[in-house]
Each structure stands twice: as C-alpha cells, then as structure tokens.
Amino acid sequence: MKPLKTIWNELSQPLTPGWTSADIEPAMTPDELYMLRLTLERSQFIHLAEGRANAVFSIREPRDPTVPRGFFQGTLLRVPKATPDVTPCDYETLQDFQEKFIDVHVGRQHIVPQVLVKISQTVANSLNVKRGSALRAKGVKGDLSIIKAGHAMLVEDMGPSPDYKALEFKPKWLAQSPMAPKDATRCRTCAREALRNGKLRLRGMKTSTPVCPLGLLHANHDVVMSTIDRLAPKWTERDRERLASALRESGVLERLRDLQVEGDPGDALFANPSDARFGLSMTLRDCSCFVRMPVDEALPVVVKLADVDKKNWREKQSYWQRRHSDLVGNGWYRGEEALDPPIETACVLRLDYCLERGLDVPPAFRARLKR
C-alpha cells in the first residue's frame, strides 16, 4: 500500500485545465480501500479534538511488516458523531461535494485533501473508548453522542510538528456584504464580531478585538502586515513576512473573495438560498485556512482550506435573515450600537475612512503605519 502522504501529494496537484467532475479519478482503488479498512481495525487512536458534529483522531499503525512504517504519518481520522436531535450531512455527500464542486471551482491544490473510508464497529468501539476517556479527563459530562460504524474521512494533518509551525484562521467575508449599508464603517465580519462582543460584555465576560479579514487583501502592504501581526502575534517578524508572501503567492484568498462575490448578488440570501452558487459563496465564508510553515526556509509554506463541507442552506436561511436584520437594524455596521463606549474593532473600512480624511488611524494599525 502507498503511504497516505503519497496520496495527499497526489491530491494536492492542480486539476488539468478544462477538467470537469467527470474527469476526476478516485484517489484509491477498491482493493486499496479494503486493505485500508483492515489496517484501521488493528491501529491505535488518540482523541485530538471535536466539534458539534465531528471528532478527530490521530492514528498509530499496527506493528506489522506488511504495513509501511509511518503509513499514517501526516494523517488524521475524522468521524461523524451521532447526536440526538442533530442531522448532519452524510459523509458520502460531503466527499462528493468536495470532489465535484469545491475542488473544481476553488482549485484542488488549495484544499486539504481527504479520502472517504469505512470504519467497522470494532474501530467505532475503540474510538468511543478513547473519546470517552478524553472527555472525562476534561470534565465533560452529559454528552450523549456516539461514534458508529460507517463512513469516515482520512484527512491530511495540517497541524504543527517538529519541523513545521502551524496556524489556523477563518478568512470569513473577504469582501463587504452586498446587503450592508453603503455608509458602513465595519465590514460584515467586524460587525458580527462586535455584536458578539457586545453580548459578552453585557454578561461581564472578557472580549477581544477581532481581526479584520479585509486587511489580508489590502493594497497597502503595511495594512496587510498589521493584520498578520494580530493573526500570528507569537511569530517572528521574519515568519510573518513569509506568511504574507505565501498568502499572496498562493492566490487562495483572492480566489475565495472572487467566488464569494460571484455567488452572492445581494438578494440570494432571502430570494434563493438553495442556489448552488450562493451555497458555495456561503460555504467559503465559513471555511478555515490552514498554514504550515517549515522551519527550513528552503521549503515552501503550505496554505490550504478546510471545513468546506456542504451546508444545509435552506435550513440556515432564517438564521441568516435574523443575523442580517440584527446587524443592520441595531447599528453594528456603522459602529452606532447602543453601548457606551462602543465596541472596539480594528476594521479596515474604518481605517480607510480615517486615511481618506486625514484622521488618526485606529490603534491596531498605528505601529506599522507610523514606520
């Protein structure tokens, strides 16, 4: 069997120009997938993390001369959780959506690769034991979800390692919402985070100033670097410059922004939320960007997107509509919320407003823009 890192390399190559979903070949043969399933039954797992619908594990392959050493190196196992009153999208549909829609439109080289596999009840039992121990160690009580036999995903590991630094962030809305007020001084992301921080403040909880995603695509390099300063505050100046170069050279954020804009003319949110192009734009407004930066500067910085799962757009319509009404009606886009003092944000729209009028720039940008 080929080590999984070989599969990840193959699935990270760009698709041939002009290819459609019908031209894409499976990453593994049925025989390879069968052997993979047997290998998983004899492997060991470590619970790493989980969300509302999925759990993630690292894998240690069995000590067996027929299994290449390091076979699962750089690979994670992602499994769905069966939770009462939650009906997640099945993994077969998610895999089909990524292969035939996301990879084709965004570019396969920009996406964290994954392979659909099946896990037996033996593996599911082992995962439940590991997960249960991890949750108890964290003091989690009352969790009713379980992992069942069925489909799972093997996913390339984009986390840190001895030879790589890692960063994860959500690019969110890389262009202003077409439904925002024309005189807005906050972008959609900063308005949403201001609303969230306002609720936290009223409960006496700690808040933090959000990172404005518009800064990552700004024409002024100092604004880009100010944004990256806050995105990766513990990184060295050299590594932040390497990150800026990697984001620019990959073109992935520009591609995200263009697809977000193309799929959202401004009225689909309410008029036609099930339109596939609008669904793609909303999926790409909620994906994650993973960066792996090698210690060896001779190696390239890897930038890829994950969490590009298909959403139930029709069910989310009422939520989106409520959120939009909150942001517009209560002044969050304009910084006119009924709070004293107003919520602090570091939005690039506010920065541009100040620069155009010769006003003092917001505190978050002063260090770079005064150099």
Protein backbone atom coordinates (compact mmCIF):
# COMPACT_ATOMS: atom_id res chain seq x y z
CA MET A 1 0.00 0.00 0.00
CA LYS A 2 1.14 3.54 -0.70
CA PRO A 3 1.71 5.67 2.41
CA LEU A 4 -1.05 8.22 2.88
CA LYS A 5 1.38 11.12 2.46
CA THR A 6 1.83 9.96 -1.15
CA ILE A 7 -1.94 10.12 -1.64
CA TRP A 8 -2.01 13.62 -0.13
CA ASN A 9 0.68 14.77 -2.53
CA GLU A 10 -1.24 13.38 -5.50
CA LEU A 11 -4.48 15.02 -4.37
CA SER A 12 -2.73 18.37 -3.91
CA GLN A 13 -1.85 18.67 -7.60
CA PRO A 14 -3.94 21.10 -9.67
CA LEU A 15 -6.59 19.59 -11.90
CA THR A 16 -5.89 19.68 -15.61
CA PRO A 17 -7.37 22.87 -17.14
CA GLY A 18 -10.78 22.21 -18.59
CA TRP A 19 -11.44 19.14 -16.47
CA THR A 20 -14.90 18.63 -15.05
CA SER A 21 -16.02 16.45 -12.15
CA ALA A 22 -16.49 13.55 -14.59
CA ASP A 23 -12.75 13.52 -15.34
CA ILE A 24 -11.62 13.13 -11.72
CA GLU A 25 -10.39 9.64 -10.88
CA PRO A 26 -10.70 8.04 -7.41
CA ALA A 27 -7.69 8.53 -5.17
CA MET A 28 -7.62 4.84 -4.17
CA THR A 29 -8.79 1.60 -5.76
CA PRO A 30 -11.46 -0.58 -4.11
CA ASP A 31 -8.75 -3.09 -3.11
CA GLU A 32 -6.66 -0.35 -1.51
CA LEU A 33 -9.66 0.93 0.40
CA TYR A 34 -10.42 -2.59 1.62
CA MET A 35 -6.84 -3.06 2.88
CA LEU A 36 -7.03 0.37 4.47
CA ARG A 37 -10.16 -0.66 6.37
CA LEU A 38 -8.41 -3.78 7.69
CA THR A 39 -5.36 -1.75 8.72
CA LEU A 40 -7.54 0.69 10.68
CA GLU A 41 -9.04 -2.23 12.63
CA ARG A 42 -5.58 -3.06 14.00
CA SER A 43 -4.46 0.53 14.62
CA GLN A 44 -4.48 2.66 17.75
CA PHE A 45 -6.12 6.08 18.07
CA ILE A 46 -5.67 9.25 20.11
CA HIS A 47 -8.55 11.70 20.53
CA LEU A 48 -7.44 15.18 19.45
CA ALA A 49 -10.47 17.43 19.18
CA GLU A 50 -14.12 17.61 18.26
CA GLY A 51 -16.93 19.94 17.32
CA ARG A 52 -20.68 19.67 17.38
CA ALA A 53 -20.88 17.13 14.57
CA ASN A 54 -17.42 15.52 14.21
CA ALA A 55 -14.48 14.16 16.19
CA VAL A 56 -10.84 13.97 15.09
CA PHE A 57 -8.23 11.35 16.00
CA SER A 58 -4.59 10.72 15.23
CA ILE A 59 -3.65 7.19 14.14
CA ARG A 60 -0.80 4.88 15.01
CA GLU A 61 -0.49 1.98 12.55
CA PRO A 62 -0.04 -1.61 13.80
CA ARG A 63 3.41 -3.11 14.13
CA ASP A 64 3.17 -5.29 11.08
CA PRO A 65 5.82 -5.78 8.36
CA THR A 66 3.07 -5.66 5.73
CA VAL A 67 2.17 -2.10 6.75
CA PRO A 68 4.78 0.50 5.74
CA ARG A 69 6.33 2.29 8.68
CA GLY A 70 4.81 5.75 9.03
CA PHE A 71 1.87 4.73 6.87
CA PHE A 72 -0.50 7.13 8.69
CA GLN A 73 2.10 9.87 9.23
CA GLY A 74 0.60 13.26 8.46
CA THR A 75 -2.93 11.82 8.50
CA LEU A 76 -5.93 12.27 10.79
CA LEU A 77 -9.19 10.36 11.08
CA ARG A 78 -12.35 12.47 11.09
CA VAL A 79 -15.58 10.73 12.09
CA PRO A 80 -19.20 11.88 12.46
CA LYS A 81 -20.89 11.85 15.85
CA ALA A 82 -24.42 10.53 16.17
CA THR A 83 -26.09 13.13 18.39
CA PRO A 84 -29.75 13.31 19.45
CA ASP A 85 -31.73 15.96 17.53
CA VAL A 86 -28.84 16.63 15.12
CA THR A 87 -28.97 15.51 11.49
CA PRO A 88 -25.59 16.26 9.91
CA CYS A 89 -24.90 15.89 6.21
CA ASP A 90 -23.70 12.34 5.49
CA TYR A 91 -20.02 11.89 4.63
CA GLU A 92 -20.68 10.43 1.17
CA THR A 93 -22.46 13.66 0.21
CA LEU A 94 -19.67 15.76 1.76
CA GLN A 95 -16.99 13.89 -0.19
CA ASP A 96 -18.95 14.18 -3.42
CA PHE A 97 -19.43 17.92 -2.82
CA GLN A 98 -15.71 18.47 -2.25
CA GLU A 99 -14.54 16.41 -5.23
CA LYS A 100 -17.08 17.60 -7.77
CA PHE A 101 -17.76 21.15 -6.66
CA ILE A 102 -15.15 22.60 -4.30
CA ASP A 103 -12.08 21.08 -5.97
CA VAL A 104 -13.28 22.12 -9.42
CA HIS A 105 -14.30 25.69 -8.55
CA VAL A 106 -11.72 26.65 -5.93
CA GLY A 107 -8.80 24.54 -7.18
CA ARG A 108 -7.80 21.19 -5.75
CA GLN A 109 -4.31 22.49 -4.89
CA HIS A 110 -5.93 24.92 -2.41
CA ILE A 111 -7.96 22.31 -0.49
CA VAL A 112 -6.87 19.99 2.35
CA PRO A 113 -7.20 16.55 0.73
CA GLN A 114 -9.33 13.79 2.18
CA VAL A 115 -10.32 10.21 1.35
CA LEU A 116 -13.67 8.60 2.17
CA VAL A 117 -13.28 5.30 4.07
CA LYS A 118 -15.45 2.91 6.02
CA ILE A 119 -14.85 2.01 9.64
CA SER A 120 -16.10 -1.17 11.26
CA GLN A 121 -17.87 -1.50 14.58
CA THR A 122 -14.52 -2.63 16.03
CA VAL A 123 -12.96 0.69 15.10
CA ALA A 124 -16.03 2.63 16.26
CA ASN A 125 -15.86 0.91 19.66
CA SER A 126 -12.17 1.78 20.01
CA LEU A 127 -12.85 5.42 19.09
CA ASN A 128 -15.68 5.66 21.61
CA VAL A 129 -13.43 4.35 24.38
CA LYS A 130 -10.68 6.85 23.53
CA ARG A 131 -13.16 9.71 23.21
CA GLY A 132 -14.88 8.83 26.47
CA SER A 133 -11.57 8.88 28.35
CA ALA A 134 -10.60 12.21 26.82
CA LEU A 135 -13.93 13.84 27.68
CA ARG A 136 -13.83 12.57 31.26
CA ALA A 137 -10.31 13.96 31.64
CA LYS A 138 -11.65 17.34 30.57
CA GLY A 139 -14.56 17.13 32.98
CA VAL A 140 -17.20 16.93 30.23
CA LYS A 141 -20.44 15.43 31.50
CA GLY A 142 -23.77 14.57 29.94
CA ASP A 143 -22.54 14.05 26.39
CA LEU A 144 -24.96 11.72 24.59
CA SER A 145 -23.27 11.47 21.21
CA ILE A 146 -21.53 8.33 19.98
CA ILE A 147 -19.48 7.19 17.01
CA LYS A 148 -20.99 4.47 14.86
CA ALA A 149 -19.68 2.15 12.16
CA GLY A 150 -19.95 3.63 8.69
CA HIS A 151 -18.23 6.27 6.64
CA ALA A 152 -15.34 8.38 7.92
CA MET A 153 -12.65 10.58 6.42
CA LEU A 154 -8.90 10.29 6.35
CA VAL A 155 -7.59 13.86 6.16
CA GLU A 156 -4.16 15.38 5.70
CA ASP A 157 -2.85 16.68 9.03
CA MET A 158 -2.20 20.42 8.82
CA GLY A 159 -1.19 20.77 12.47
CA PRO A 160 2.23 21.64 13.95
CA SER A 161 5.15 19.21 14.06
CA PRO A 162 8.84 19.46 15.00
CA ASP A 163 9.64 20.74 11.51
CA TYR A 164 6.60 22.96 10.97
CA LYS A 165 4.83 25.85 12.63
CA ALA A 166 1.08 25.87 12.08
CA LEU A 167 -1.66 28.46 12.02
CA GLU A 168 -5.41 28.14 11.59
CA PHE A 169 -7.81 31.02 10.99
CA LYS A 170 -11.17 31.69 9.36
CA PRO A 171 -10.95 34.13 6.42
CA LYS A 172 -14.71 34.75 6.67
CA TRP A 173 -16.11 37.53 4.44
CA LEU A 174 -13.24 38.81 2.28
CA ALA A 175 -15.46 41.43 0.64
CA GLN A 176 -18.12 43.56 2.24
CA SER A 177 -21.63 42.10 2.27
CA PRO A 178 -23.60 43.45 -0.72
CA MET A 179 -26.51 43.96 1.69
CA ALA A 180 -24.55 46.13 4.13
CA PRO A 181 -25.37 49.85 4.44
CA LYS A 182 -23.42 51.92 1.92
CA ASP A 183 -22.01 54.12 4.69
CA ALA A 184 -20.86 51.19 6.85
CA THR A 185 -17.61 51.66 8.77
CA ARG A 186 -17.43 47.97 9.67
CA CYS A 187 -17.24 45.00 7.33
CA ARG A 188 -19.59 42.05 7.75
CA THR A 189 -17.08 40.12 9.88
CA CYS A 190 -16.23 43.03 12.18
CA ALA A 191 -19.92 43.93 12.58
CA ARG A 192 -20.71 40.32 13.51
CA GLU A 193 -17.84 40.14 15.99
CA ALA A 194 -18.84 43.50 17.51
CA LEU A 195 -22.33 42.09 18.08
CA ARG A 196 -20.86 39.00 19.69
CA ASN A 197 -18.52 41.05 21.91
CA GLY A 198 -21.42 43.30 22.91
CA LYS A 199 -23.29 40.29 24.25
CA LEU A 200 -20.19 39.08 26.10
CA ARG A 201 -19.63 42.50 27.66
CA LEU A 202 -23.20 42.65 28.94
CA ARG A 203 -22.56 39.32 30.70
CA GLY A 204 -19.36 40.65 32.22
CA MET A 205 -17.17 38.37 30.13
CA LYS A 206 -13.80 39.11 28.55
CA THR A 207 -13.74 40.29 24.93
CA SER A 208 -11.04 40.58 22.28
CA THR A 209 -10.75 42.81 19.23
CA PRO A 210 -11.44 40.78 16.07
CA VAL A 211 -9.01 40.53 13.17
CA CYS A 212 -10.45 42.19 10.06
CA PRO A 213 -10.12 39.80 7.10
CA LEU A 214 -10.20 42.68 4.61
CA GLY A 215 -6.72 43.59 5.83
CA LEU A 216 -5.27 40.42 4.33
CA LEU A 217 -6.10 41.62 0.82
CA HIS A 218 -5.41 45.32 1.25
CA ALA A 219 -3.35 47.16 -1.39
CA ASN A 220 -1.14 48.68 1.33
CA HIS A 221 1.47 46.15 2.50
CA ASP A 222 1.68 47.81 5.93
CA VAL A 223 -2.03 47.16 6.43
CA VAL A 224 -1.51 43.52 5.43
CA MET A 225 1.33 43.21 7.92
CA SER A 226 -0.69 44.92 10.67
CA THR A 227 -3.39 42.29 10.12
CA ILE A 228 -0.87 39.45 10.18
CA ASP A 229 0.70 40.89 13.37
CA ARG A 230 -2.61 40.27 15.09
CA LEU A 231 -3.24 36.98 13.31
CA ALA A 232 0.10 35.45 14.37
CA PRO A 233 1.27 37.58 17.34
CA LYS A 234 3.76 34.99 18.62
CA TRP A 235 5.53 34.52 15.30
CA THR A 236 8.78 36.29 14.45
CA GLU A 237 8.84 39.24 12.06
CA ARG A 238 10.57 37.02 9.50
CA ASP A 239 7.89 34.34 9.72
CA ARG A 240 5.12 36.94 9.44
CA GLU A 241 6.75 38.23 6.26
CA ARG A 242 6.96 34.66 4.96
CA LEU A 243 3.27 34.22 5.74
CA ALA A 244 2.35 37.41 3.86
CA SER A 245 4.35 36.22 0.85
CA ALA A 246 2.80 32.74 0.95
CA LEU A 247 -0.75 34.10 1.09
CA ARG A 248 -0.05 36.49 -1.77
CA GLU A 249 1.70 33.93 -3.98
CA SER A 250 -0.87 31.19 -3.44
CA GLY A 251 -3.71 33.45 -4.57
CA VAL A 252 -6.09 31.42 -2.43
CA LEU A 253 -7.62 34.37 -0.58
CA GLU A 254 -8.23 36.25 -3.82
CA ARG A 255 -9.92 33.15 -5.22
CA LEU A 256 -12.10 32.90 -2.11
CA ARG A 257 -13.10 36.55 -2.34
CA ASP A 258 -13.97 36.28 -6.04
CA LEU A 259 -16.16 33.21 -5.52
CA GLN A 260 -17.88 34.81 -2.53
CA VAL A 261 -18.76 37.85 -4.63
CA GLU A 262 -19.75 35.92 -7.77
CA GLY A 263 -22.21 33.71 -5.89
CA ASP A 264 -23.90 36.46 -3.89
CA PRO A 265 -25.53 39.23 -5.97
CA GLY A 266 -27.10 40.66 -2.83
CA ASP A 267 -30.59 39.21 -2.84
CA ALA A 268 -29.98 35.43 -2.90
CA LEU A 269 -29.80 35.39 0.90
CA PHE A 270 -33.54 35.85 1.05
CA ALA A 271 -34.73 35.13 -2.51
CA ASN A 272 -32.96 31.88 -3.42
CA PRO A 273 -30.82 30.44 -0.62
CA SER A 274 -30.70 26.99 -2.25
CA ASP A 275 -28.94 28.29 -5.38
CA ALA A 276 -25.71 26.27 -5.75
CA ARG A 277 -23.55 29.33 -6.45
CA PHE A 278 -24.88 31.11 -3.37
CA GLY A 279 -24.35 27.95 -1.35
CA LEU A 280 -20.73 27.86 -2.50
CA SER A 281 -20.21 31.51 -1.51
CA MET A 282 -21.63 30.88 1.98
CA THR A 283 -19.59 27.70 2.40
CA LEU A 284 -16.47 29.67 1.55
CA ARG A 285 -17.41 32.34 4.10
CA ASP A 286 -17.26 29.73 6.85
CA CYS A 287 -14.22 27.67 5.84
CA SER A 288 -10.87 27.52 7.65
CA CYS A 289 -7.44 28.40 6.31
CA PHE A 290 -4.52 26.25 7.47
CA VAL A 291 -0.90 27.36 7.19
CA ARG A 292 2.10 25.08 7.71
CA MET A 293 5.39 26.96 7.80
CA PRO A 294 8.54 24.84 7.59
CA VAL A 295 11.45 25.70 9.84
CA ASP A 296 13.66 25.16 6.79
CA GLU A 297 13.17 28.32 4.72
CA ALA A 298 14.19 26.45 1.56
CA LEU A 299 10.86 24.58 1.73
CA PRO A 300 7.58 26.20 0.63
CA VAL A 301 4.94 27.43 3.05
CA VAL A 302 1.75 25.38 2.64
CA VAL A 303 -1.61 27.21 2.59
CA LYS A 304 -4.81 25.17 2.24
CA LEU A 305 -8.51 25.43 3.01
CA ALA A 306 -10.60 23.01 5.06
CA ASP A 307 -14.10 22.90 6.60
CA VAL A 308 -15.60 23.27 3.14
CA ASP A 309 -18.49 20.95 3.98
CA LYS A 310 -21.78 21.40 2.20
CA LYS A 311 -24.23 23.32 4.38
CA ASN A 312 -28.00 22.93 4.57
CA TRP A 313 -28.54 26.35 3.06
CA ARG A 314 -32.34 26.23 3.10
CA GLU A 315 -32.47 25.46 6.84
CA LYS A 316 -29.97 28.26 7.54
CA GLN A 317 -31.95 30.92 5.68
CA SER A 318 -33.97 32.05 8.70
CA TYR A 319 -30.79 32.28 10.81
CA TRP A 320 -29.03 34.36 8.16
CA GLN A 321 -32.03 36.65 7.84
CA ARG A 322 -32.20 37.26 11.61
CA ARG A 323 -28.49 37.93 11.80
CA HIS A 324 -28.61 40.37 8.88
CA SER A 325 -31.53 42.24 10.47
CA ASP A 326 -29.66 42.45 13.80
CA LEU A 327 -26.53 43.89 12.21
CA VAL A 328 -28.37 46.49 10.11
CA GLY A 329 -31.17 47.47 12.45
CA ASN A 330 -29.07 47.85 15.59
CA GLY A 331 -26.26 49.91 14.11
CA TRP A 332 -23.47 47.31 14.17
CA TYR A 333 -22.32 48.04 10.62
CA ARG A 334 -21.99 51.78 11.33
CA GLY A 335 -20.50 51.49 14.82
CA GLU A 336 -23.66 53.05 16.24
CA GLU A 337 -24.67 50.27 18.63
CA ALA A 338 -26.43 51.32 21.83
CA LEU A 339 -23.40 50.70 24.05
CA ASP A 340 -21.16 53.16 25.86
CA PRO A 341 -18.36 53.01 25.00
CA PRO A 342 -18.91 51.39 21.57
CA ILE A 343 -17.29 48.02 20.91
CA GLU A 344 -13.69 48.36 19.75
CA THR A 345 -12.93 46.86 16.34
CA ALA A 346 -9.96 47.14 14.01
CA CYS A 347 -11.89 47.21 10.76
CA VAL A 348 -10.09 48.17 7.58
CA LEU A 349 -13.17 50.09 6.42
CA ARG A 350 -12.76 52.41 9.41
CA LEU A 351 -9.02 52.67 8.70
CA ASP A 352 -9.64 53.66 5.08
CA TYR A 353 -12.21 56.23 6.24
CA CYS A 354 -9.63 57.79 8.56
CA LEU A 355 -6.86 57.78 5.95
CA GLU A 356 -9.08 59.43 3.36
CA ARG A 357 -9.93 62.26 5.76
CA GLY A 358 -6.54 62.69 7.41
CA LEU A 359 -7.81 61.45 10.78
CA ASP A 360 -5.84 59.46 13.35
CA VAL A 361 -5.74 55.80 12.38
CA PRO A 362 -7.22 53.18 14.74
CA PRO A 363 -4.79 51.94 17.44
CA ALA A 364 -4.42 48.46 15.92
CA PHE A 365 -2.73 49.91 12.81
CA ARG A 366 -0.52 52.63 14.28
CA ALA A 367 2.63 50.60 14.81
CA ARG A 368 3.00 49.71 11.14
CA LEU A 369 1.57 52.82 9.52
CA LYS A 370 3.86 55.15 11.51
CA ARG A 371 7.02 53.46 10.32
